[in-house]
């Protein structure tokens, strides 16, 4: 997957990086919400 992203344009790489960051934050919030 990293190799595929590396072959894309910088803008696409940033979009993927921002997408995975949002997913990570989403699961972090959901985990903390259900762990209460």
PDB file of N, CA and C in Angstrom:
ATOM      1  N   UNK A   1       0.842  -1.202   0.000  1.00  0.00           N
ATOM      2  CA  UNK A   1       0.000   0.000   0.000  1.00  0.00           C
ATOM      3  C   UNK A   1       0.878   1.253   0.000  1.00  0.00           C
ATOM      4  N   UNK A   2       1.964   1.201   0.786  1.00  0.00           N
ATOM      5  CA  UNK A   2       2.857   2.358   0.842  1.00  0.00           C
ATOM      6  C   UNK A   2       3.474   2.609  -0.528  1.00  0.00           C
ATOM      7  N   UNK A   3       3.816   1.521  -1.227  1.00  0.00           N
ATOM      8  CA  UNK A   3       4.410   1.673  -2.549  1.00  0.00           C
ATOM      9  C   UNK A   3       3.435   2.308  -3.523  1.00  0.00           C
ATOM     10  N   UNK A   4       2.155   1.943  -3.415  1.00  0.00           N
ATOM     11  CA  UNK A   4       1.132   2.509  -4.294  1.00  0.00           C
ATOM     12  C   UNK A   4       0.968   3.998  -4.017  1.00  0.00           C
ATOM     13  N   UNK A   5       0.931   4.360  -2.744  1.00  0.00           N
ATOM     14  CA  UNK A   5       0.779   5.768  -2.384  1.00  0.00           C
ATOM     15  C   UNK A   5       2.003   6.567  -2.836  1.00  0.00           C
ATOM     16  N   UNK A   6       3.180   5.943  -2.762  1.00  0.00           N
ATOM     17  CA  UNK A   6       4.419   6.626  -3.132  1.00  0.00           C
ATOM     18  C   UNK A   6       4.445   6.954  -4.624  1.00  0.00           C
ATOM     19  N   UNK A   7       3.710   6.191  -5.429  1.00  0.00           N
ATOM     20  CA  UNK A   7       3.710   6.418  -6.865  1.00  0.00           C
ATOM     21  C   UNK A   7       2.688   7.475  -7.264  1.00  0.00           C
ATOM     22  N   UNK A   8       1.870   7.903  -6.317  1.00  0.00           N
ATOM     23  CA  UNK A   8       0.850   8.906  -6.610  1.00  0.00           C
ATOM     24  C   UNK A   8       1.420  10.305  -6.418  1.00  0.00           C
ATOM     25  N   UNK A   9       0.611  11.328  -6.765  1.00  0.00           N
ATOM     26  CA  UNK A   9       1.050  12.715  -6.594  1.00  0.00           C
ATOM     27  C   UNK A   9       1.052  13.079  -5.114  1.00  0.00           C
ATOM     28  N   UNK A  10       1.745  14.159  -4.785  1.00  0.00           N
ATOM     29  CA  UNK A  10       1.843  14.593  -3.393  1.00  0.00           C
ATOM     30  C   UNK A  10       0.468  14.908  -2.819  1.00  0.00           C
ATOM     31  N   UNK A  11      -0.403  15.516  -3.616  1.00  0.00           N
ATOM     32  CA  UNK A  11      -1.739  15.867  -3.139  1.00  0.00           C
ATOM     33  C   UNK A  11      -2.521  14.614  -2.753  1.00  0.00           C
ATOM     34  N   UNK A  12      -2.360  13.549  -3.543  1.00  0.00           N
ATOM     35  CA  UNK A  12      -3.053  12.296  -3.252  1.00  0.00           C
ATOM     36  C   UNK A  12      -2.496  11.685  -1.972  1.00  0.00           C
ATOM     37  N   UNK A  13      -1.172  11.774  -1.806  1.00  0.00           N
ATOM     38  CA  UNK A  13      -0.537  11.230  -0.607  1.00  0.00           C
ATOM     39  C   UNK A  13      -1.050  11.956   0.630  1.00  0.00           C
ATOM     40  N   UNK A  14      -1.208  13.257   0.529  1.00  0.00           N
ATOM     41  CA  UNK A  14      -1.712  14.040   1.656  1.00  0.00           C
ATOM     42  C   UNK A  14      -3.155  13.647   1.953  1.00  0.00           C
ATOM     43  N   UNK A  15      -3.954  13.440   0.900  1.00  0.00           N
ATOM     44  CA  UNK A  15      -5.352  13.051   1.086  1.00  0.00           C
ATOM     45  C   UNK A  15      -5.440  11.705   1.798  1.00  0.00           C
ATOM     46  N   UNK A  16      -4.599  10.749   1.380  1.00  0.00           N
ATOM     47  CA  UNK A  16      -4.603   9.438   2.025  1.00  0.00           C
ATOM     48  C   UNK A  16      -4.157   9.565   3.472  1.00  0.00           C
ATOM     49  N   UNK A  17      -3.122  10.375   3.710  1.00  0.00           N
ATOM     50  CA  UNK A  17      -2.599  10.553   5.066  1.00  0.00           C
ATOM     51  C   UNK A  17      -3.676  11.164   5.949  1.00  0.00           C
ATOM     52  N   UNK A  18      -4.410  12.175   5.435  1.00  0.00           N
ATOM     53  CA  UNK A  18      -5.469  12.825   6.207  1.00  0.00           C
ATOM     54  C   UNK A  18      -6.617  11.853   6.439  1.00  0.00           C
ATOM     55  N   UNK A  19      -6.922  11.010   5.450  1.00  0.00           N
ATOM     56  CA  UNK A  19      -8.006  10.035   5.586  1.00  0.00           C
ATOM     57  C   UNK A  19      -7.705   9.036   6.695  1.00  0.00           C
ATOM     58  N   UNK A  20      -6.499   8.473   6.689  1.00  0.00           N
ATOM     59  CA  UNK A  20      -6.137   7.492   7.716  1.00  0.00           C
ATOM     60  C   UNK A  20      -6.038   8.145   9.085  1.00  0.00           C
ATOM     61  N   UNK A  21      -5.681   9.437   9.118  1.00  0.00           N
ATOM     62  CA  UNK A  21      -5.611  10.156  10.397  1.00  0.00           C
ATOM     63  C   UNK A  21      -7.008  10.302  10.976  1.00  0.00           C
ATOM     64  N   UNK A  22      -7.992  10.619  10.121  1.00  0.00           N
ATOM     65  CA  UNK A  22      -9.373  10.750  10.586  1.00  0.00           C
ATOM     66  C   UNK A  22      -9.903   9.408  11.078  1.00  0.00           C
ATOM     67  N   UNK A  23      -9.576   8.325  10.368  1.00  0.00           N
ATOM     68  CA  UNK A  23     -10.018   6.991  10.778  1.00  0.00           C
ATOM     69  C   UNK A  23      -9.421   6.632  12.133  1.00  0.00           C
ATOM     70  N   UNK A  24      -8.142   6.962  12.320  1.00  0.00           N
ATOM     71  CA  UNK A  24      -7.474   6.673  13.584  1.00  0.00           C
ATOM     72  C   UNK A  24      -8.132   7.449  14.720  1.00  0.00           C
ATOM     73  N   UNK A  25      -8.415   8.719  14.493  1.00  0.00           N
ATOM     74  CA  UNK A  25      -9.054   9.539  15.522  1.00  0.00           C
ATOM     75  C   UNK A  25     -10.463   9.033  15.807  1.00  0.00           C
ATOM     76  N   UNK A  26     -11.170   8.593  14.762  1.00  0.00           N
ATOM     77  CA  UNK A  26     -12.534   8.094  14.929  1.00  0.00           C
ATOM     78  C   UNK A  26     -12.560   6.874  15.839  1.00  0.00           C
ATOM     79  N   UNK A  27     -11.688   5.891  15.561  1.00  0.00           N
ATOM     80  CA  UNK A  27     -11.654   4.682  16.382  1.00  0.00           C
ATOM     81  C   UNK A  27     -11.181   4.988  17.794  1.00  0.00           C
ATOM     82  N   UNK A  28     -10.307   5.979  17.939  1.00  0.00           N
ATOM     83  CA  UNK A  28      -9.825   6.360  19.269  1.00  0.00           C
ATOM     84  C   UNK A  28     -10.969   6.932  20.094  1.00  0.00           C
ATOM     85  N   UNK A  29     -11.780   7.776  19.482  1.00  0.00           N
ATOM     86  CA  UNK A  29     -12.918   8.378  20.184  1.00  0.00           C
ATOM     87  C   UNK A  29     -13.952   7.313  20.521  1.00  0.00           C
ATOM     88  N   UNK A  30     -14.236   6.420  19.565  1.00  0.00           N
ATOM     89  CA  UNK A  30     -15.222   5.370  19.800  1.00  0.00           C
ATOM     90  C   UNK A  30     -14.752   4.430  20.906  1.00  0.00           C
ATOM     91  N   UNK A  31     -13.462   4.122  20.935  1.00  0.00           N
ATOM     92  CA  UNK A  31     -12.908   3.233  21.961  1.00  0.00           C
ATOM     93  C   UNK A  31     -13.059   3.867  23.341  1.00  0.00           C
ATOM     94  N   UNK A  32     -12.741   5.141  23.440  1.00  0.00           N
ATOM     95  CA  UNK A  32     -12.833   5.829  24.726  1.00  0.00           C
ATOM     96  C   UNK A  32     -14.301   5.975  25.141  1.00  0.00           C
ATOM     97  N   UNK A  33     -15.189   6.125  24.160  1.00  0.00           N
ATOM     98  CA  UNK A  33     -16.614   6.289  24.465  1.00  0.00           C
ATOM     99  C   UNK A  33     -17.193   5.001  25.050  1.00  0.00           C
ATOM    100  N   UNK A  34     -16.848   3.858  24.444  1.00  0.00           N
ATOM    101  CA  UNK A  34     -17.396   2.580  24.907  1.00  0.00           C
ATOM    102  C   UNK A  34     -16.665   2.051  26.134  1.00  0.00           C
ATOM    103  N   UNK A  35     -15.456   2.553  26.386  1.00  0.00           N
ATOM    104  CA  UNK A  35     -14.672   2.065  27.523  1.00  0.00           C
ATOM    105  C   UNK A  35     -15.101   2.727  28.825  1.00  0.00           C
ATOM    106  N   UNK A  36     -15.933   3.749  28.731  1.00  0.00           N
ATOM    107  CA  UNK A  36     -16.382   4.457  29.940  1.00  0.00           C
ATOM    108  C   UNK A  36     -17.335   3.563  30.730  1.00  0.00           C
TER     109      UNK A  36
END
